[in-house]
Amino acid sequence: MNRSLLTLLAICFAVCSFAQKNKAFPELSGVTVDGQTVTLPASTKGKYTLVGIAFSKKAEEDLTSWMNPMLNTFRPGNKKANVLIPEYDVNMYFVPMFTGLNKAAAATAMKKTKESLDKRLHQHVVFYKGDMDNYKDPLQLKDKEIPYFFVLDPDGNIVLTLKGKYTDEKMESIEEILE
């Protein structure tokens, strides 16, 4: 095998090795910045769904590195100029999780987010306030310092799991699933 192929295989293994592939995404309810209640995956059945989760300040910073690229690529009705590039019909949500003592900070964080965040993202940012027990083990959220991303199929099953800051390679792996 050539070196490029081995490198690509190593990256794919490292990125996808911890994935909970083909397992149901656990129910998660929260409120969007624009005040709508969303329950994942029930609210998203019938479409592929992209879910980014962060449960620390550091992870939230990395989560924001995904927002504009995902909005520009996956926002419904965001027809690309090149007709050979597909228009995606997906749901996408970014979920800052407020658990434990941090629950008290959720309202303040939502207010700051509403004031500072691009309004096009308000419907895509879901604030979760509650317990981590239902998510940490099933989603293998081991490192609170990084965000986790899940691609759910139209039935709410996880088909891809990624973690960390945005990269073009990670975006390409998401687009491959959706094509």
Protein backbone atom coordinates (compact mmCIF):
# COMPACT_ATOMS: atom_id res chain seq x y z
CA MET A 1 0.00 0.00 0.00
CA ASN A 2 1.20 3.48 -0.66
CA ARG A 3 1.95 5.93 2.14
CA SER A 4 -1.05 8.21 1.38
CA LEU A 5 -3.51 5.36 1.63
CA LEU A 6 -2.00 4.17 4.91
CA THR A 7 -2.17 7.71 6.31
CA LEU A 8 -5.81 8.03 5.24
CA LEU A 9 -6.69 4.69 6.82
CA ALA A 10 -4.93 5.69 10.06
CA ILE A 11 -6.83 8.99 10.20
CA CYS A 12 -10.16 7.26 9.54
CA PHE A 13 -9.45 4.70 12.25
CA ALA A 14 -8.42 7.35 14.77
CA VAL A 15 -11.42 9.55 14.04
CA CYS A 16 -14.05 6.82 13.87
CA SER A 17 -12.74 4.11 16.21
CA PHE A 18 -14.81 5.15 19.22
CA ALA A 19 -18.05 5.59 17.28
CA GLN A 20 -21.29 4.13 18.53
CA LYS A 21 -22.24 3.25 14.97
CA ASN A 22 -25.82 2.08 14.35
CA LYS A 23 -26.89 2.63 17.96
CA ALA A 24 -29.83 4.84 18.75
CA PHE A 25 -28.99 8.36 19.87
CA PRO A 26 -30.33 8.79 23.43
CA GLU A 27 -33.24 11.20 23.88
CA LEU A 28 -32.04 14.73 24.64
CA SER A 29 -34.37 17.71 25.13
CA GLY A 30 -33.48 21.37 25.28
CA VAL A 31 -34.44 24.85 24.18
CA THR A 32 -33.06 26.66 21.16
CA VAL A 33 -31.75 30.21 21.41
CA ASP A 34 -34.97 31.35 19.71
CA GLY A 35 -37.10 29.60 22.37
CA GLN A 36 -38.22 26.40 20.62
CA THR A 37 -38.18 23.07 22.46
CA VAL A 38 -36.30 20.35 20.59
CA THR A 39 -36.13 16.67 21.51
CA LEU A 40 -33.43 14.72 19.74
CA PRO A 41 -33.80 12.48 17.86
CA ALA A 42 -37.64 12.50 17.96
CA SER A 43 -37.90 16.04 16.52
CA THR A 44 -35.63 15.09 13.63
CA LYS A 45 -37.00 11.75 12.40
CA GLY A 46 -37.08 11.41 8.64
CA LYS A 47 -33.91 13.43 7.94
CA TYR A 48 -30.23 13.04 8.56
CA THR A 49 -29.25 15.09 11.60
CA LEU A 50 -25.94 16.55 12.68
CA VAL A 51 -25.50 16.99 16.44
CA GLY A 52 -22.54 18.71 18.10
CA ILE A 53 -22.22 18.39 21.88
CA ALA A 54 -20.01 20.30 24.31
CA PHE A 55 -20.03 20.04 28.08
CA SER A 56 -17.27 22.44 29.13
CA LYS A 57 -16.20 26.01 28.29
CA LYS A 58 -13.15 24.73 26.38
CA ALA A 59 -15.27 22.29 24.36
CA GLU A 60 -17.78 25.07 23.58
CA GLU A 61 -14.96 27.15 22.08
CA ASP A 62 -14.05 24.26 19.78
CA LEU A 63 -17.73 23.64 19.04
CA THR A 64 -18.01 27.16 17.62
CA SER A 65 -15.27 26.32 15.08
CA TRP A 66 -17.86 24.06 13.42
CA MET A 67 -20.78 26.50 13.34
CA ASN A 68 -20.08 28.66 10.29
CA PRO A 69 -18.69 25.87 8.09
CA MET A 70 -21.70 23.69 8.92
CA LEU A 71 -24.15 26.55 8.46
CA ASN A 72 -22.60 27.40 5.10
CA THR A 73 -22.63 23.78 3.96
CA PHE A 74 -25.80 22.30 5.45
CA ARG A 75 -28.31 25.10 6.10
CA PRO A 76 -31.60 24.20 4.34
CA GLY A 77 -32.11 26.22 1.19
CA ASN A 78 -28.42 27.10 1.05
CA LYS A 79 -28.12 26.16 -2.63
CA LYS A 80 -24.54 26.08 -3.77
CA ALA A 81 -23.55 27.97 -6.92
CA ASN A 82 -22.17 24.83 -8.55
CA VAL A 83 -25.11 22.62 -9.52
CA LEU A 84 -22.84 19.56 -9.43
CA ILE A 85 -22.46 20.00 -5.66
CA PRO A 86 -25.50 18.65 -3.79
CA GLU A 87 -27.84 20.71 -1.67
CA TYR A 88 -28.20 18.96 1.67
CA ASP A 89 -31.51 18.54 3.46
CA VAL A 90 -30.41 17.88 7.03
CA ASN A 91 -31.14 19.00 10.56
CA MET A 92 -28.25 20.39 12.55
CA TYR A 93 -27.94 21.22 16.21
CA PHE A 94 -25.15 22.45 18.45
CA VAL A 95 -25.80 21.48 22.07
CA PRO A 96 -23.99 23.17 24.95
CA MET A 97 -24.73 20.96 27.98
CA PHE A 98 -25.12 22.53 31.41
CA THR A 99 -24.86 19.88 34.10
CA GLY A 100 -24.12 19.77 37.81
CA LEU A 101 -23.24 23.16 39.26
CA ASN A 102 -23.10 24.65 35.76
CA LYS A 103 -26.90 24.37 35.41
CA ALA A 104 -27.19 27.73 37.17
CA ALA A 105 -25.18 29.39 34.38
CA ALA A 106 -27.46 28.21 31.54
CA ALA A 107 -29.82 31.21 31.53
CA THR A 108 -26.97 33.72 31.50
CA ALA A 109 -25.15 31.80 28.76
CA MET A 110 -28.30 31.66 26.64
CA LYS A 111 -28.83 35.41 27.02
CA LYS A 112 -25.22 36.16 25.99
CA THR A 113 -25.50 33.73 23.09
CA LYS A 114 -28.72 35.33 21.87
CA GLU A 115 -27.03 38.75 21.86
CA SER A 116 -23.78 37.70 20.20
CA LEU A 117 -24.57 34.74 17.92
CA ASP A 118 -25.41 35.07 14.23
CA LYS A 119 -29.23 35.00 14.12
CA ARG A 120 -29.13 32.29 11.43
CA LEU A 121 -27.76 29.95 14.11
CA HIS A 122 -30.40 30.67 16.80
CA GLN A 123 -32.64 27.79 15.69
CA HIS A 124 -29.65 25.43 15.62
CA VAL A 125 -28.21 25.99 19.12
CA VAL A 126 -30.01 23.91 21.75
CA PHE A 127 -29.30 24.54 25.43
CA TYR A 128 -29.49 21.37 27.52
CA LYS A 129 -29.79 21.69 31.28
CA GLY A 130 -29.81 18.43 33.22
CA ASP A 131 -27.88 15.31 34.06
CA MET A 132 -25.00 13.74 32.08
CA ASP A 133 -25.69 10.14 33.14
CA ASN A 134 -27.89 9.37 30.13
CA TYR A 135 -25.25 10.60 27.66
CA LYS A 136 -21.72 10.14 28.96
CA ASP A 137 -21.50 6.34 28.64
CA PRO A 138 -23.89 5.70 25.73
CA LEU A 139 -22.19 8.37 23.60
CA GLN A 140 -18.72 7.68 25.02
CA LEU A 141 -18.18 11.30 26.02
CA LYS A 142 -14.87 10.66 27.74
CA ASP A 143 -13.04 13.99 27.40
CA LYS A 144 -14.98 17.05 28.56
CA GLU A 145 -12.43 19.37 26.94
CA ILE A 146 -13.48 18.54 23.35
CA PRO A 147 -16.77 18.65 21.43
CA TYR A 148 -18.33 15.51 19.97
CA PHE A 149 -20.25 15.31 16.70
CA PHE A 150 -22.77 12.72 15.66
CA VAL A 151 -24.40 12.09 12.32
CA LEU A 152 -27.79 10.46 12.82
CA ASP A 153 -29.63 8.61 10.10
CA PRO A 154 -33.33 9.41 9.43
CA ASP A 155 -34.30 6.87 12.13
CA GLY A 156 -32.15 8.53 14.82
CA ASN A 157 -29.31 5.99 14.77
CA ILE A 158 -25.70 7.12 14.95
CA VAL A 159 -23.89 6.49 11.67
CA LEU A 160 -20.75 8.56 12.32
CA THR A 161 -19.05 10.00 15.38
CA LEU A 162 -16.32 12.63 15.31
CA LYS A 163 -14.62 14.72 17.98
CA GLY A 164 -12.53 17.85 18.31
CA LYS A 165 -12.14 21.09 16.37
CA TYR A 166 -13.39 21.53 12.84
CA THR A 167 -11.23 20.28 9.99
CA ASP A 168 -11.93 19.98 6.27
CA GLU A 169 -11.26 16.22 6.50
CA LYS A 170 -13.96 15.80 9.16
CA MET A 171 -16.41 17.81 7.06
CA GLU A 172 -15.64 15.61 4.05
CA SER A 173 -16.39 12.47 6.09
CA ILE A 174 -19.79 13.95 7.03
CA GLU A 175 -20.55 14.88 3.42
CA GLU A 176 -19.64 11.35 2.26
CA ILE A 177 -22.30 9.91 4.60
CA LEU A 178 -24.92 12.38 3.35
CA GLU A 179 -24.22 11.77 -0.34
